[in-house]
Amino acid sequence: MAAVLRIRKLGNSLAVILPKDQLERLHVGEGDELHATATVDGLELSPFDPNFEMKIKAFDRTRRKFRNALRELAR
């Protein structure tokens, strides 16, 4: 479903107000973060961090490398 969104002035910034049905579809509400990713088709909004998988992989490498030290710290 396509929706027409207006850009409005909000303080010194500009804002786009998302319709309630679109917010429910994304499962987000006031205070939640949305991540905007530029794609060939335009702009994609998602409540999920696109870099999260990369961060998890980095943590996994660190956890394996310092497994013994982390085990000792947990005691």
PDB file of N, CA and C in Angstrom:
ATOM      1  N   MET A   1       0.838  -1.177   0.000  1.00  0.00           N
ATOM      2  CA  MET A   1       0.000   0.000   0.000  1.00  0.00           C
ATOM      3  C   MET A   1       0.888   1.246   0.000  1.00  0.00           C
ATOM      4  N   ALA A   2       0.663   2.121  -0.925  1.00  0.00           N
ATOM      5  CA  ALA A   2       1.427   3.364  -1.014  1.00  0.00           C
ATOM      6  C   ALA A   2       0.731   4.439  -0.198  1.00  0.00           C
ATOM      7  N   ALA A   3       1.527   5.232   0.467  1.00  0.00           N
ATOM      8  CA  ALA A   3       0.991   6.325   1.266  1.00  0.00           C
ATOM      9  C   ALA A   3       1.695   7.612   0.862  1.00  0.00           C
ATOM     10  N   VAL A   4       0.968   8.704   0.849  1.00  0.00           N
ATOM     11  CA  VAL A   4       1.556  10.014   0.568  1.00  0.00           C
ATOM     12  C   VAL A   4       1.977  10.612   1.907  1.00  0.00           C
ATOM     13  N   LEU A   5       3.251  10.945   2.014  1.00  0.00           N
ATOM     14  CA  LEU A   5       3.782  11.504   3.251  1.00  0.00           C
ATOM     15  C   LEU A   5       4.201  12.943   3.003  1.00  0.00           C
ATOM     16  N   ARG A   6       3.947  13.790   3.970  1.00  0.00           N
ATOM     17  CA  ARG A   6       4.343  15.201   3.857  1.00  0.00           C
ATOM     18  C   ARG A   6       5.552  15.459   4.743  1.00  0.00           C
ATOM     19  N   ILE A   7       6.426  16.298   4.251  1.00  0.00           N
ATOM     20  CA  ILE A   7       7.574  16.735   5.040  1.00  0.00           C
ATOM     21  C   ILE A   7       7.156  18.014   5.757  1.00  0.00           C
ATOM     22  N   ARG A   8       7.349  18.011   7.073  1.00  0.00           N
ATOM     23  CA  ARG A   8       6.944  19.173   7.884  1.00  0.00           C
ATOM     24  C   ARG A   8       8.116  19.675   8.698  1.00  0.00           C
ATOM     25  N   LYS A   9       8.033  20.939   9.040  1.00  0.00           N
ATOM     26  CA  LYS A   9       9.056  21.547   9.876  1.00  0.00           C
ATOM     27  C   LYS A   9       8.768  21.174  11.327  1.00  0.00           C
ATOM     28  N   LEU A  10       9.811  20.722  12.026  1.00  0.00           N
ATOM     29  CA  LEU A  10       9.703  20.346  13.426  1.00  0.00           C
ATOM     30  C   LEU A  10      10.889  20.963  14.148  1.00  0.00           C
ATOM     31  N   GLY A  11      10.678  22.096  14.763  1.00  0.00           N
ATOM     32  CA  GLY A  11      11.783  22.840  15.367  1.00  0.00           C
ATOM     33  C   GLY A  11      12.689  23.350  14.265  1.00  0.00           C
ATOM     34  N   ASN A  12      13.974  23.054  14.363  1.00  0.00           N
ATOM     35  CA  ASN A  12      14.927  23.451  13.328  1.00  0.00           C
ATOM     36  C   ASN A  12      15.142  22.354  12.294  1.00  0.00           C
ATOM     37  N   SER A  13      14.398  21.247  12.425  1.00  0.00           N
ATOM     38  CA  SER A  13      14.563  20.106  11.530  1.00  0.00           C
ATOM     39  C   SER A  13      13.335  19.913  10.659  1.00  0.00           C
ATOM     40  N   LEU A  14      13.424  18.941   9.769  1.00  0.00           N
ATOM     41  CA  LEU A  14      12.287  18.524   8.963  1.00  0.00           C
ATOM     42  C   LEU A  14      11.914  17.107   9.386  1.00  0.00           C
ATOM     43  N   ALA A  15      10.631  16.777   9.333  1.00  0.00           N
ATOM     44  CA  ALA A  15      10.162  15.469   9.779  1.00  0.00           C
ATOM     45  C   ALA A  15       9.134  14.913   8.819  1.00  0.00           C
ATOM     46  N   VAL A  16       9.042  13.596   8.781  1.00  0.00           N
ATOM     47  CA  VAL A  16       8.017  12.895   8.016  1.00  0.00           C
ATOM     48  C   VAL A  16       7.164  12.150   9.037  1.00  0.00           C
ATOM     49  N   ILE A  17       5.866  12.348   8.986  1.00  0.00           N
ATOM     50  CA  ILE A  17       4.943  11.677   9.885  1.00  0.00           C
ATOM     51  C   ILE A  17       4.457  10.400   9.199  1.00  0.00           C
ATOM     52  N   LEU A  18       4.665   9.259   9.855  1.00  0.00           N
ATOM     53  CA  LEU A  18       4.233   7.982   9.282  1.00  0.00           C
ATOM     54  C   LEU A  18       2.821   7.654   9.767  1.00  0.00           C
ATOM     55  N   PRO A  19       1.970   7.161   8.886  1.00  0.00           N
ATOM     56  CA  PRO A  19       0.612   6.791   9.281  1.00  0.00           C
ATOM     57  C   PRO A  19       0.619   5.635  10.282  1.00  0.00           C
ATOM     58  N   LYS A  20      -0.421   5.571  11.104  1.00  0.00           N
ATOM     59  CA  LYS A  20      -0.522   4.570  12.154  1.00  0.00           C
ATOM     60  C   LYS A  20      -0.431   3.152  11.605  1.00  0.00           C
ATOM     61  N   ASP A  21      -1.083   2.876  10.478  1.00  0.00           N
ATOM     62  CA  ASP A  21      -1.051   1.518   9.929  1.00  0.00           C
ATOM     63  C   ASP A  21       0.357   1.113   9.490  1.00  0.00           C
ATOM     64  N   GLN A  22       1.147   2.072   9.003  1.00  0.00           N
ATOM     65  CA  GLN A  22       2.525   1.773   8.614  1.00  0.00           C
ATOM     66  C   GLN A  22       3.381   1.496   9.856  1.00  0.00           C
ATOM     67  N   LEU A  23       3.149   2.235  10.935  1.00  0.00           N
ATOM     68  CA  LEU A  23       3.879   2.005  12.184  1.00  0.00           C
ATOM     69  C   LEU A  23       3.550   0.623  12.748  1.00  0.00           C
ATOM     70  N   GLU A  24       2.281   0.237  12.670  1.00  0.00           N
ATOM     71  CA  GLU A  24       1.881  -1.090  13.155  1.00  0.00           C
ATOM     72  C   GLU A  24       2.519  -2.186  12.305  1.00  0.00           C
ATOM     73  N   ARG A  25       2.611  -1.943  11.020  1.00  0.00           N
ATOM     74  CA  ARG A  25       3.225  -2.926  10.118  1.00  0.00           C
ATOM     75  C   ARG A  25       4.700  -3.128  10.448  1.00  0.00           C
ATOM     76  N   LEU A  26       5.385  -2.051  10.842  1.00  0.00           N
ATOM     77  CA  LEU A  26       6.798  -2.129  11.222  1.00  0.00           C
ATOM     78  C   LEU A  26       6.980  -2.564  12.678  1.00  0.00           C
ATOM     79  N   HIS A  27       5.874  -2.616  13.437  1.00  0.00           N
ATOM     80  CA  HIS A  27       5.907  -2.950  14.869  1.00  0.00           C
ATOM     81  C   HIS A  27       6.779  -1.970  15.648  1.00  0.00           C
ATOM     82  N   VAL A  28       6.583  -0.685  15.389  1.00  0.00           N
ATOM     83  CA  VAL A  28       7.318   0.363  16.096  1.00  0.00           C
ATOM     84  C   VAL A  28       6.335   1.378  16.672  1.00  0.00           C
ATOM     85  N   GLY A  29       6.816   2.130  17.622  1.00  0.00           N
ATOM     86  CA  GLY A  29       6.005   3.169  18.232  1.00  0.00           C
ATOM     87  C   GLY A  29       6.880   4.343  18.620  1.00  0.00           C
ATOM     88  N   GLU A  30       6.318   5.239  19.390  1.00  0.00           N
ATOM     89  CA  GLU A  30       7.037   6.448  19.799  1.00  0.00           C
ATOM     90  C   GLU A  30       8.291   6.079  20.578  1.00  0.00           C
ATOM     91  N   GLY A  31       9.410   6.684  20.208  1.00  0.00           N
ATOM     92  CA  GLY A  31      10.673   6.449  20.884  1.00  0.00           C
ATOM     93  C   GLY A  31      11.514   5.334  20.271  1.00  0.00           C
ATOM     94  N   ASP A  32      10.934   4.507  19.405  1.00  0.00           N
ATOM     95  CA  ASP A  32      11.695   3.444  18.745  1.00  0.00           C
ATOM     96  C   ASP A  32      12.559   4.039  17.646  1.00  0.00           C
ATOM     97  N   GLU A  33      13.591   3.313  17.277  1.00  0.00           N
ATOM     98  CA  GLU A  33      14.488   3.764  16.207  1.00  0.00           C
ATOM     99  C   GLU A  33      14.159   3.047  14.908  1.00  0.00           C
ATOM    100  N   LEU A  34      14.261   3.772  13.807  1.00  0.00           N
ATOM    101  CA  LEU A  34      14.151   3.190  12.472  1.00  0.00           C
ATOM    102  C   LEU A  34      15.474   3.428  11.763  1.00  0.00           C
ATOM    103  N   HIS A  35      15.901   2.450  10.997  1.00  0.00           N
ATOM    104  CA  HIS A  35      17.135   2.575  10.234  1.00  0.00           C
ATOM    105  C   HIS A  35      16.763   2.777   8.771  1.00  0.00           C
ATOM    106  N   ALA A  36      17.316   3.811   8.168  1.00  0.00           N
ATOM    107  CA  ALA A  36      17.047   4.126   6.761  1.00  0.00           C
ATOM    108  C   ALA A  36      18.242   3.673   5.930  1.00  0.00           C
ATOM    109  N   THR A  37      17.960   2.891   4.899  1.00  0.00           N
ATOM    110  CA  THR A  37      18.999   2.391   4.010  1.00  0.00           C
ATOM    111  C   THR A  37      18.658   2.807   2.583  1.00  0.00           C
ATOM    112  N   ALA A  38      19.624   3.427   1.919  1.00  0.00           N
ATOM    113  CA  ALA A  38      19.419   3.822   0.528  1.00  0.00           C
ATOM    114  C   ALA A  38      19.534   2.589  -0.357  1.00  0.00           C
ATOM    115  N   THR A  39      18.543   2.389  -1.217  1.00  0.00           N
ATOM    116  CA  THR A  39      18.550   1.271  -2.155  1.00  0.00           C
ATOM    117  C   THR A  39      18.384   1.822  -3.570  1.00  0.00           C
ATOM    118  N   VAL A  40      18.480   0.960  -4.558  1.00  0.00           N
ATOM    119  CA  VAL A  40      18.310   1.406  -5.947  1.00  0.00           C
ATOM    120  C   VAL A  40      16.890   1.915  -6.175  1.00  0.00           C
ATOM    121  N   ASP A  41      15.924   1.359  -5.441  1.00  0.00           N
ATOM    122  CA  ASP A  41      14.525   1.744  -5.594  1.00  0.00           C
ATOM    123  C   ASP A  41      14.122   2.948  -4.753  1.00  0.00           C
ATOM    124  N   GLY A  42      14.990   3.401  -3.868  1.00  0.00           N
ATOM    125  CA  GLY A  42      14.650   4.539  -3.012  1.00  0.00           C
ATOM    126  C   GLY A  42      15.214   4.371  -1.624  1.00  0.00           C
ATOM    127  N   LEU A  43      14.365   4.562  -0.635  1.00  0.00           N
ATOM    128  CA  LEU A  43      14.777   4.512   0.763  1.00  0.00           C
ATOM    129  C   LEU A  43      14.011   3.404   1.465  1.00  0.00           C
ATOM    130  N   GLU A  44      14.718   2.562   2.201  1.00  0.00           N
ATOM    131  CA  GLU A  44      14.086   1.458   2.927  1.00  0.00           C
ATOM    132  C   GLU A  44      14.166   1.747   4.419  1.00  0.00           C
ATOM    133  N   LEU A  45      13.013   1.706   5.090  1.00  0.00           N
ATOM    134  CA  LEU A  45      12.953   1.900   6.536  1.00  0.00           C
ATOM    135  C   LEU A  45      12.790   0.555   7.211  1.00  0.00           C
ATOM    136  N   SER A  46      13.569   0.321   8.261  1.00  0.00           N
ATOM    137  CA  SER A  46      13.504  -0.944   8.975  1.00  0.00           C
ATOM    138  C   SER A  46      13.798  -0.710  10.449  1.00  0.00           C
ATOM    139  N   PRO A  47      13.108  -1.427  11.338  1.00  0.00           N
ATOM    140  CA  PRO A  47      13.426  -1.302  12.763  1.00  0.00           C
ATOM    141  C   PRO A  47      14.685  -2.090  13.129  1.00  0.00           C
ATOM    142  N   PHE A  48      15.239  -2.852  12.196  1.00  0.00           N
ATOM    143  CA  PHE A  48      16.405  -3.685  12.464  1.00  0.00           C
ATOM    144  C   PHE A  48      17.677  -2.997  11.995  1.00  0.00           C
ATOM    145  N   ASP A  49      18.717  -3.085  12.812  1.00  0.00           N
ATOM    146  CA  ASP A  49      20.006  -2.492  12.499  1.00  0.00           C
ATOM    147  C   ASP A  49      20.686  -3.310  11.403  1.00  0.00           C
ATOM    148  N   PRO A  50      20.986  -2.699  10.246  1.00  0.00           N
ATOM    149  CA  PRO A  50      21.605  -3.457   9.155  1.00  0.00           C
ATOM    150  C   PRO A  50      23.025  -3.921   9.491  1.00  0.00           C
ATOM    151  N   ASN A  51      23.677  -3.309  10.467  1.00  0.00           N
ATOM    152  CA  ASN A  51      25.038  -3.691  10.840  1.00  0.00           C
ATOM    153  C   ASN A  51      25.076  -4.680  11.998  1.00  0.00           C
ATOM    154  N   PHE A  52      23.917  -5.111  12.476  1.00  0.00           N
ATOM    155  CA  PHE A  52      23.857  -5.980  13.654  1.00  0.00           C
ATOM    156  C   PHE A  52      24.581  -7.304  13.419  1.00  0.00           C
ATOM    157  N   GLU A  53      24.380  -7.918  12.255  1.00  0.00           N
ATOM    158  CA  GLU A  53      25.025  -9.198  11.966  1.00  0.00           C
ATOM    159  C   GLU A  53      26.549  -9.062  11.993  1.00  0.00           C
ATOM    160  N   MET A  54      27.058  -7.959  11.455  1.00  0.00           N
ATOM    161  CA  MET A  54      28.494  -7.723  11.450  1.00  0.00           C
ATOM    162  C   MET A  54      29.016  -7.586  12.892  1.00  0.00           C
ATOM    163  N   LYS A  55      28.241  -6.913  13.742  1.00  0.00           N
ATOM    164  CA  LYS A  55      28.640  -6.742  15.144  1.00  0.00           C
ATOM    165  C   LYS A  55      28.640  -8.078  15.882  1.00  0.00           C
ATOM    166  N   ILE A  56      27.656  -8.924  15.610  1.00  0.00           N
ATOM    167  CA  ILE A  56      27.583 -10.236  16.246  1.00  0.00           C
ATOM    168  C   ILE A  56      28.772 -11.104  15.834  1.00  0.00           C
ATOM    169  N   LYS A  57      29.140 -11.052  14.549  1.00  0.00           N
ATOM    170  CA  LYS A  57      30.289 -11.834  14.081  1.00  0.00           C
ATOM    171  C   LYS A  57      31.576 -11.357  14.752  1.00  0.00           C
ATOM    172  N   ALA A  58      31.728 -10.041  14.917  1.00  0.00           N
ATOM    173  CA  ALA A  58      32.917  -9.498  15.582  1.00  0.00           C
ATOM    174  C   ALA A  58      32.963  -9.950  17.038  1.00  0.00           C
ATOM    175  N   PHE A  59      31.812  -9.930  17.710  1.00  0.00           N
ATOM    176  CA  PHE A  59      31.752 -10.395  19.095  1.00  0.00           C
ATOM    177  C   PHE A  59      32.100 -11.877  19.171  1.00  0.00           C
ATOM    178  N   ASP A  60      31.611 -12.662  18.239  1.00  0.00           N
ATOM    179  CA  ASP A  60      31.863 -14.103  18.230  1.00  0.00           C
ATOM    180  C   ASP A  60      33.358 -14.390  18.101  1.00  0.00           C
ATOM    181  N   ARG A  61      34.039 -13.657  17.214  1.00  0.00           N
ATOM    182  CA  ARG A  61      35.493 -13.838  17.068  1.00  0.00           C
ATOM    183  C   ARG A  61      36.211 -13.491  18.366  1.00  0.00           C
ATOM    184  N   THR A  62      35.811 -12.378  18.984  1.00  0.00           N
ATOM    185  CA  THR A  62      36.436 -11.937  20.232  1.00  0.00           C
ATOM    186  C   THR A  62      36.171 -12.939  21.348  1.00  0.00           C
ATOM    187  N   ARG A  63      34.957 -13.457  21.403  1.00  0.00           N
ATOM    188  CA  ARG A  63      34.585 -14.407  22.450  1.00  0.00           C
ATOM    189  C   ARG A  63      35.431 -15.677  22.337  1.00  0.00           C
ATOM    190  N   ARG A  64      35.640 -16.144  21.113  1.00  0.00           N
ATOM    191  CA  ARG A  64      36.463 -17.344  20.919  1.00  0.00           C
ATOM    192  C   ARG A  64      37.930 -17.073  21.274  1.00  0.00           C
ATOM    193  N   LYS A  65      38.433 -15.910  20.873  1.00  0.00           N
ATOM    194  CA  LYS A  65      39.837 -15.579  21.096  1.00  0.00           C
ATOM    195  C   LYS A  65      40.154 -15.446  22.583  1.00  0.00           C
ATOM    196  N   PHE A  66      39.244 -14.843  23.339  1.00  0.00           N
ATOM    197  CA  PHE A  66      39.477 -14.591  24.763  1.00  0.00           C
ATOM    198  C   PHE A  66      38.603 -15.478  25.652  1.00  0.00           C
ATOM    199  N   ARG A  67      38.318 -16.689  25.172  1.00  0.00           N
ATOM    200  CA  ARG A  67      37.435 -17.608  25.893  1.00  0.00           C
ATOM    201  C   ARG A  67      37.915 -17.859  27.318  1.00  0.00           C
ATOM    202  N   ASN A  68      39.200 -18.157  27.488  1.00  0.00           N
ATOM    203  CA  ASN A  68      39.725 -18.471  28.823  1.00  0.00           C
ATOM    204  C   ASN A  68      39.676 -17.260  29.750  1.00  0.00           C
ATOM    205  N   ALA A  69      40.041 -16.105  29.236  1.00  0.00           N
ATOM    206  CA  ALA A  69      40.014 -14.893  30.055  1.00  0.00           C
ATOM    207  C   ALA A  69      38.584 -14.559  30.477  1.00  0.00           C
ATOM    208  N   LEU A  70      37.638 -14.698  29.562  1.00  0.00           N
ATOM    209  CA  LEU A  70      36.235 -14.410  29.898  1.00  0.00           C
ATOM    210  C   LEU A  70      35.709 -15.406  30.920  1.00  0.00           C
ATOM    211  N   ARG A  71      36.129 -16.644  30.823  1.00  0.00           N
ATOM    212  CA  ARG A  71      35.712 -17.660  31.805  1.00  0.00           C
ATOM    213  C   ARG A  71      36.239 -17.301  33.195  1.00  0.00           C
ATOM    214  N   GLU A  72      37.497 -16.873  33.263  1.00  0.00           N
ATOM    215  CA  GLU A  72      38.084 -16.481  34.556  1.00  0.00           C
ATOM    216  C   GLU A  72      37.386 -15.253  35.134  1.00  0.00           C
ATOM    217  N   LEU A  73      37.058 -14.300  34.271  1.00  0.00           N
ATOM    218  CA  LEU A  73      36.366 -13.098  34.741  1.00  0.00           C
ATOM    219  C   LEU A  73      34.969 -13.412  35.258  1.00  0.00           C
ATOM    220  N   ALA A  74      34.346 -14.443  34.708  1.00  0.00           N
ATOM    221  CA  ALA A  74      32.997 -14.806  35.120  1.00  0.00           C
ATOM    222  C   ALA A  74      32.958 -15.424  36.515  1.00  0.00           C
ATOM    223  N   ARG A  75      34.090 -15.909  37.006  1.00  0.00           N
ATOM    224  CA  ARG A  75      34.136 -16.519  38.344  1.00  0.00           C
ATOM    225  C   ARG A  75      33.963 -15.531  39.427  1.00  0.00           C
TER     226      ARG A  75
END
